[in-house]
Amino acid sequence: MILNITDQASLQIQEMMKEEESDRIRLRFGVKGGGCSGLSYAMGFDEEVNEELDKVFESNGIPVVMSSQDIAIVEGTKIDFKQNMMGGGFTIDNPNAIVSCGCGSSFKTATNAGTPDENC
């Protein structure tokens, strides 16, 4: 499985998708260079799919689009949603990450270190 979206995360994403004004909307998940450790997660909604570069699939009822080049970096990643007294937020557990920063949104893998931001 490329991406495992838990039941809690799926419910939260579905609620957020209802606010979008398109029935073609998908969750776009991937990585970008930057962050304290070199790579950062990117997550948002997107209607566009590049047939040559993107892979489209479904995880726990959520339509997902991801750049093919990001798959090896995040394959097997679990996206969850945690609620606590301070609010809630998504958590990302990437089995390929060998180093993560304290905030958990920046990481590097054994094969891809990225380029850390100097401002972290």
N, C-alpha and C. Protein backbone atom coordinates (compact mmCIF):
# COMPACT_ATOMS: atom_id res chain seq x y z
N MET A 1 0.85 -1.18 0.00
CA MET A 1 0.00 0.00 0.00
C MET A 1 0.89 1.24 0.00
N ILE A 2 0.60 2.14 -0.89
CA ILE A 2 1.40 3.37 -1.00
C ILE A 2 1.17 4.26 0.21
N LEU A 3 -0.09 4.46 0.56
CA LEU A 3 -0.46 5.40 1.62
C LEU A 3 -1.61 4.81 2.42
N ASN A 4 -1.49 4.83 3.74
CA ASN A 4 -2.53 4.31 4.62
C ASN A 4 -3.17 5.48 5.35
N ILE A 5 -4.40 5.80 4.98
CA ILE A 5 -5.15 6.86 5.65
C ILE A 5 -6.07 6.18 6.65
N THR A 6 -5.89 6.50 7.94
CA THR A 6 -6.69 5.87 8.99
C THR A 6 -8.14 6.33 8.91
N ASP A 7 -9.00 5.64 9.66
CA ASP A 7 -10.41 6.00 9.70
C ASP A 7 -10.60 7.43 10.18
N GLN A 8 -9.89 7.81 11.27
CA GLN A 8 -10.03 9.18 11.81
C GLN A 8 -9.59 10.23 10.79
N ALA A 9 -8.47 9.98 10.12
CA ALA A 9 -7.99 10.93 9.11
C ALA A 9 -8.95 10.98 7.93
N SER A 10 -9.47 9.83 7.53
CA SER A 10 -10.41 9.78 6.42
C SER A 10 -11.66 10.62 6.72
N LEU A 11 -12.20 10.48 7.93
CA LEU A 11 -13.37 11.27 8.31
C LEU A 11 -13.07 12.77 8.25
N GLN A 12 -11.91 13.17 8.76
CA GLN A 12 -11.53 14.58 8.76
C GLN A 12 -11.35 15.09 7.33
N ILE A 13 -10.68 14.31 6.50
CA ILE A 13 -10.45 14.72 5.11
C ILE A 13 -11.77 14.82 4.35
N GLN A 14 -12.68 13.87 4.59
CA GLN A 14 -13.99 13.91 3.93
C GLN A 14 -14.75 15.18 4.30
N GLU A 15 -14.68 15.56 5.59
CA GLU A 15 -15.34 16.80 6.03
C GLU A 15 -14.73 18.01 5.32
N MET A 16 -13.43 18.03 5.20
CA MET A 16 -12.75 19.14 4.54
C MET A 16 -13.08 19.17 3.05
N MET A 17 -13.20 17.99 2.44
CA MET A 17 -13.51 17.93 1.01
C MET A 17 -14.92 18.45 0.71
N LYS A 18 -15.84 18.31 1.67
CA LYS A 18 -17.21 18.82 1.49
C LYS A 18 -17.22 20.33 1.31
N GLU A 19 -16.23 21.00 1.88
CA GLU A 19 -16.14 22.46 1.79
C GLU A 19 -15.62 22.93 0.44
N GLU A 20 -15.02 22.04 -0.32
CA GLU A 20 -14.50 22.38 -1.65
C GLU A 20 -15.67 22.42 -2.63
N GLU A 21 -15.55 23.23 -3.68
CA GLU A 21 -16.64 23.41 -4.61
C GLU A 21 -16.47 22.58 -5.89
N SER A 22 -15.84 21.44 -5.77
CA SER A 22 -15.60 20.60 -6.93
C SER A 22 -15.83 19.14 -6.57
N ASP A 23 -16.39 18.40 -7.51
CA ASP A 23 -16.56 16.97 -7.29
C ASP A 23 -15.37 16.18 -7.86
N ARG A 24 -14.40 16.89 -8.44
CA ARG A 24 -13.19 16.25 -8.97
C ARG A 24 -11.99 16.41 -8.03
N ILE A 25 -12.25 16.88 -6.84
CA ILE A 25 -11.16 17.18 -5.91
C ILE A 25 -10.54 15.88 -5.36
N ARG A 26 -9.23 15.89 -5.21
CA ARG A 26 -8.49 14.76 -4.65
C ARG A 26 -7.51 15.29 -3.61
N LEU A 27 -7.11 14.41 -2.73
CA LEU A 27 -6.05 14.75 -1.79
C LEU A 27 -4.73 14.60 -2.53
N ARG A 28 -3.92 15.65 -2.56
CA ARG A 28 -2.58 15.55 -3.13
C ARG A 28 -1.61 15.46 -1.96
N PHE A 29 -0.83 14.38 -1.98
CA PHE A 29 0.15 14.16 -0.91
C PHE A 29 1.50 13.93 -1.55
N GLY A 30 2.53 14.48 -0.95
CA GLY A 30 3.88 14.28 -1.47
C GLY A 30 4.91 14.94 -0.59
N VAL A 31 6.06 15.17 -1.16
CA VAL A 31 7.16 15.80 -0.43
C VAL A 31 7.72 16.95 -1.24
N LYS A 32 8.38 17.85 -0.55
CA LYS A 32 9.09 18.95 -1.19
C LYS A 32 10.38 19.16 -0.44
N GLY A 33 11.35 19.75 -1.07
CA GLY A 33 12.61 20.05 -0.42
C GLY A 33 12.44 21.14 0.61
N GLY A 34 13.21 21.06 1.67
CA GLY A 34 13.18 22.09 2.71
C GLY A 34 12.87 21.50 4.06
N GLY A 35 12.69 22.36 5.02
CA GLY A 35 12.46 21.92 6.40
C GLY A 35 13.79 21.70 7.10
N CYS A 36 13.74 21.47 8.38
CA CYS A 36 14.94 21.32 9.20
C CYS A 36 15.78 20.11 8.79
N SER A 37 15.11 19.03 8.36
CA SER A 37 15.83 17.80 8.04
C SER A 37 16.09 17.60 6.56
N GLY A 38 15.50 18.44 5.71
CA GLY A 38 15.78 18.36 4.28
C GLY A 38 14.57 18.13 3.40
N LEU A 39 13.57 17.40 3.88
CA LEU A 39 12.34 17.17 3.14
C LEU A 39 11.15 17.51 4.03
N SER A 40 10.09 18.00 3.41
CA SER A 40 8.86 18.31 4.15
C SER A 40 7.68 17.66 3.42
N TYR A 41 6.66 17.33 4.18
CA TYR A 41 5.44 16.77 3.59
C TYR A 41 4.61 17.90 2.99
N ALA A 42 3.93 17.58 1.91
CA ALA A 42 3.00 18.52 1.28
C ALA A 42 1.65 17.81 1.18
N MET A 43 0.61 18.45 1.69
CA MET A 43 -0.71 17.85 1.68
C MET A 43 -1.73 18.93 1.42
N GLY A 44 -2.60 18.72 0.45
CA GLY A 44 -3.64 19.68 0.13
C GLY A 44 -4.60 19.05 -0.87
N PHE A 45 -5.50 19.86 -1.39
CA PHE A 45 -6.46 19.36 -2.37
C PHE A 45 -6.08 19.84 -3.76
N ASP A 46 -6.40 19.02 -4.76
CA ASP A 46 -6.03 19.34 -6.13
C ASP A 46 -7.03 18.69 -7.09
N GLU A 47 -7.38 19.41 -8.14
CA GLU A 47 -8.22 18.87 -9.20
C GLU A 47 -7.38 18.37 -10.37
N GLU A 48 -6.17 18.89 -10.47
CA GLU A 48 -5.31 18.60 -11.62
C GLU A 48 -4.55 17.29 -11.44
N VAL A 49 -4.43 16.55 -12.53
CA VAL A 49 -3.64 15.34 -12.56
C VAL A 49 -2.78 15.37 -13.82
N ASN A 50 -1.48 15.22 -13.65
CA ASN A 50 -0.57 15.12 -14.79
C ASN A 50 -0.46 13.63 -15.13
N GLU A 51 -1.06 13.24 -16.24
CA GLU A 51 -1.14 11.83 -16.62
C GLU A 51 0.24 11.18 -16.72
N GLU A 52 1.26 11.95 -17.05
CA GLU A 52 2.61 11.40 -17.23
C GLU A 52 3.39 11.30 -15.92
N LEU A 53 3.11 12.18 -14.96
CA LEU A 53 3.91 12.25 -13.74
C LEU A 53 3.20 11.78 -12.47
N ASP A 54 1.87 11.77 -12.47
CA ASP A 54 1.13 11.48 -11.26
C ASP A 54 0.54 10.08 -11.26
N LYS A 55 0.36 9.57 -10.05
CA LYS A 55 -0.35 8.30 -9.84
C LYS A 55 -1.61 8.64 -9.05
N VAL A 56 -2.74 8.09 -9.48
CA VAL A 56 -4.01 8.31 -8.80
C VAL A 56 -4.45 6.98 -8.19
N PHE A 57 -4.84 7.00 -6.92
CA PHE A 57 -5.29 5.79 -6.24
C PHE A 57 -6.25 6.19 -5.13
N GLU A 58 -6.76 5.23 -4.42
CA GLU A 58 -7.68 5.49 -3.32
C GLU A 58 -7.15 4.85 -2.05
N SER A 59 -7.32 5.54 -0.94
CA SER A 59 -6.96 4.99 0.37
C SER A 59 -8.08 5.29 1.35
N ASN A 60 -8.70 4.26 1.87
CA ASN A 60 -9.77 4.38 2.85
C ASN A 60 -10.87 5.34 2.38
N GLY A 61 -11.24 5.21 1.10
CA GLY A 61 -12.31 6.02 0.54
C GLY A 61 -11.91 7.41 0.08
N ILE A 62 -10.65 7.76 0.23
CA ILE A 62 -10.17 9.09 -0.16
C ILE A 62 -9.43 8.98 -1.50
N PRO A 63 -9.87 9.73 -2.52
CA PRO A 63 -9.10 9.75 -3.76
C PRO A 63 -7.81 10.54 -3.56
N VAL A 64 -6.69 9.93 -3.96
CA VAL A 64 -5.37 10.52 -3.72
C VAL A 64 -4.63 10.65 -5.05
N VAL A 65 -3.91 11.75 -5.21
CA VAL A 65 -3.00 11.93 -6.33
C VAL A 65 -1.62 12.22 -5.76
N MET A 66 -0.60 11.57 -6.37
CA MET A 66 0.76 11.73 -5.87
C MET A 66 1.72 11.68 -7.05
N SER A 67 2.73 12.51 -7.00
CA SER A 67 3.78 12.45 -8.00
C SER A 67 4.47 11.10 -7.92
N SER A 68 4.68 10.47 -9.06
CA SER A 68 5.32 9.15 -9.09
C SER A 68 6.69 9.17 -8.44
N GLN A 69 7.41 10.28 -8.54
CA GLN A 69 8.75 10.35 -7.94
C GLN A 69 8.71 10.39 -6.42
N ASP A 70 7.59 10.75 -5.82
CA ASP A 70 7.48 10.80 -4.36
C ASP A 70 7.13 9.45 -3.75
N ILE A 71 6.63 8.53 -4.56
CA ILE A 71 6.14 7.26 -4.02
C ILE A 71 7.21 6.50 -3.25
N ALA A 72 8.41 6.39 -3.79
CA ALA A 72 9.47 5.64 -3.09
C ALA A 72 9.83 6.28 -1.75
N ILE A 73 9.67 7.58 -1.65
CA ILE A 73 10.03 8.30 -0.42
C ILE A 73 8.98 8.11 0.67
N VAL A 74 7.71 7.97 0.28
CA VAL A 74 6.64 7.91 1.27
C VAL A 74 5.86 6.59 1.27
N GLU A 75 6.28 5.61 0.49
CA GLU A 75 5.53 4.36 0.42
C GLU A 75 5.40 3.73 1.80
N GLY A 76 4.17 3.35 2.15
CA GLY A 76 3.90 2.75 3.46
C GLY A 76 3.58 3.76 4.54
N THR A 77 3.53 5.04 4.21
CA THR A 77 3.25 6.09 5.19
C THR A 77 1.82 6.02 5.68
N LYS A 78 1.64 6.26 6.98
CA LYS A 78 0.32 6.30 7.60
C LYS A 78 -0.02 7.75 7.96
N ILE A 79 -1.20 8.19 7.51
CA ILE A 79 -1.71 9.51 7.88
C ILE A 79 -2.84 9.28 8.87
N ASP A 80 -2.73 9.92 10.03
CA ASP A 80 -3.75 9.78 11.07
C ASP A 80 -4.20 11.18 11.48
N PHE A 81 -5.29 11.25 12.21
CA PHE A 81 -5.76 12.51 12.76
C PHE A 81 -5.95 12.31 14.25
N LYS A 82 -5.28 13.13 15.04
CA LYS A 82 -5.34 13.04 16.50
C LYS A 82 -6.05 14.26 17.06
N GLN A 83 -6.98 14.02 17.98
CA GLN A 83 -7.71 15.09 18.65
C GLN A 83 -7.26 15.12 20.10
N ASN A 84 -6.97 16.32 20.63
CA ASN A 84 -6.63 16.44 22.04
C ASN A 84 -7.22 17.73 22.58
N MET A 85 -6.91 18.07 23.81
CA MET A 85 -7.50 19.25 24.42
C MET A 85 -7.07 20.55 23.75
N MET A 86 -5.95 20.54 23.07
CA MET A 86 -5.44 21.73 22.40
C MET A 86 -5.95 21.84 20.96
N GLY A 87 -6.77 20.90 20.52
CA GLY A 87 -7.26 20.89 19.16
C GLY A 87 -6.92 19.57 18.50
N GLY A 88 -6.76 19.60 17.22
CA GLY A 88 -6.46 18.37 16.50
C GLY A 88 -5.54 18.65 15.34
N GLY A 89 -5.00 17.59 14.79
CA GLY A 89 -4.13 17.74 13.64
C GLY A 89 -3.75 16.40 13.06
N PHE A 90 -3.26 16.45 11.84
CA PHE A 90 -2.82 15.25 11.16
C PHE A 90 -1.43 14.86 11.64
N THR A 91 -1.20 13.57 11.76
CA THR A 91 0.12 13.05 12.06
C THR A 91 0.54 12.15 10.91
N ILE A 92 1.81 12.16 10.61
CA ILE A 92 2.35 11.39 9.50
C ILE A 92 3.45 10.48 10.03
N ASP A 93 3.28 9.19 9.79
CA ASP A 93 4.26 8.20 10.21
C ASP A 93 4.83 7.54 8.95
N ASN A 94 6.05 7.93 8.61
CA ASN A 94 6.71 7.45 7.39
C ASN A 94 7.78 6.43 7.78
N PRO A 95 7.58 5.15 7.41
CA PRO A 95 8.57 4.13 7.77
C PRO A 95 9.91 4.30 7.06
N ASN A 96 9.97 5.14 6.03
CA ASN A 96 11.20 5.37 5.28
C ASN A 96 12.05 6.48 5.88
N ALA A 97 11.48 7.26 6.81
CA ALA A 97 12.22 8.37 7.42
C ALA A 97 13.22 7.83 8.43
N ILE A 98 14.47 8.25 8.30
CA ILE A 98 15.49 7.83 9.26
C ILE A 98 15.79 8.94 10.26
N VAL A 99 15.44 10.18 9.91
CA VAL A 99 15.63 11.33 10.80
C VAL A 99 14.42 12.23 10.62
N SER A 100 13.87 12.73 11.72
CA SER A 100 12.77 13.69 11.68
C SER A 100 13.11 14.85 12.60
N CYS A 101 12.58 16.02 12.29
CA CYS A 101 12.80 17.16 13.18
C CYS A 101 11.82 17.08 14.34
N GLY A 102 11.97 17.95 15.29
CA GLY A 102 11.13 17.94 16.48
C GLY A 102 9.66 18.14 16.22
N CYS A 103 9.33 18.92 15.18
CA CYS A 103 7.91 19.19 14.91
C CYS A 103 7.27 18.05 14.13
N GLY A 104 8.07 17.14 13.56
CA GLY A 104 7.54 15.99 12.86
C GLY A 104 7.13 16.22 11.43
N SER A 105 7.31 17.43 10.91
CA SER A 105 6.90 17.69 9.53
C SER A 105 8.08 17.69 8.57
N SER A 106 9.26 17.53 9.06
CA SER A 106 10.46 17.52 8.23
C SER A 106 11.22 16.23 8.50
N PHE A 107 11.81 15.65 7.45
CA PHE A 107 12.46 14.35 7.59
C PHE A 107 13.48 14.15 6.49
N LYS A 108 14.23 13.06 6.59
CA LYS A 108 15.06 12.60 5.49
C LYS A 108 15.04 11.08 5.50
N THR A 109 15.31 10.51 4.33
CA THR A 109 15.34 9.06 4.20
C THR A 109 16.78 8.64 3.93
N ALA A 110 17.02 7.35 3.94
CA ALA A 110 18.38 6.84 3.69
C ALA A 110 18.84 7.18 2.28
N THR A 111 17.91 7.29 1.34
CA THR A 111 18.29 7.55 -0.05
C THR A 111 18.03 8.98 -0.50
N ASN A 112 17.34 9.79 0.31
CA ASN A 112 17.02 11.15 -0.10
C ASN A 112 17.06 12.06 1.12
N ALA A 113 18.09 12.87 1.20
CA ALA A 113 18.25 13.78 2.34
C ALA A 113 17.65 15.14 2.07
N GLY A 114 17.42 15.51 0.80
CA GLY A 114 16.90 16.84 0.52
C GLY A 114 17.91 17.91 0.90
N THR A 115 17.46 19.14 0.93
CA THR A 115 18.30 20.28 1.31
C THR A 115 17.65 21.02 2.46
N PRO A 116 18.23 20.98 3.67
CA PRO A 116 17.62 21.63 4.83
C PRO A 116 17.53 23.15 4.63
N ASP A 117 16.46 23.73 5.19
CA ASP A 117 16.33 25.18 5.23
C ASP A 117 17.31 25.74 6.24
N GLU A 118 17.91 26.87 5.93
CA GLU A 118 18.82 27.49 6.86
C GLU A 118 18.09 28.20 7.99
N ASN A 119 16.80 28.46 7.81
CA ASN A 119 16.02 29.24 8.78
C ASN A 119 15.44 28.38 9.89
N CYS A 120 15.66 27.09 9.89
CA CYS A 120 15.08 26.21 10.92
C CYS A 120 15.88 26.29 12.21
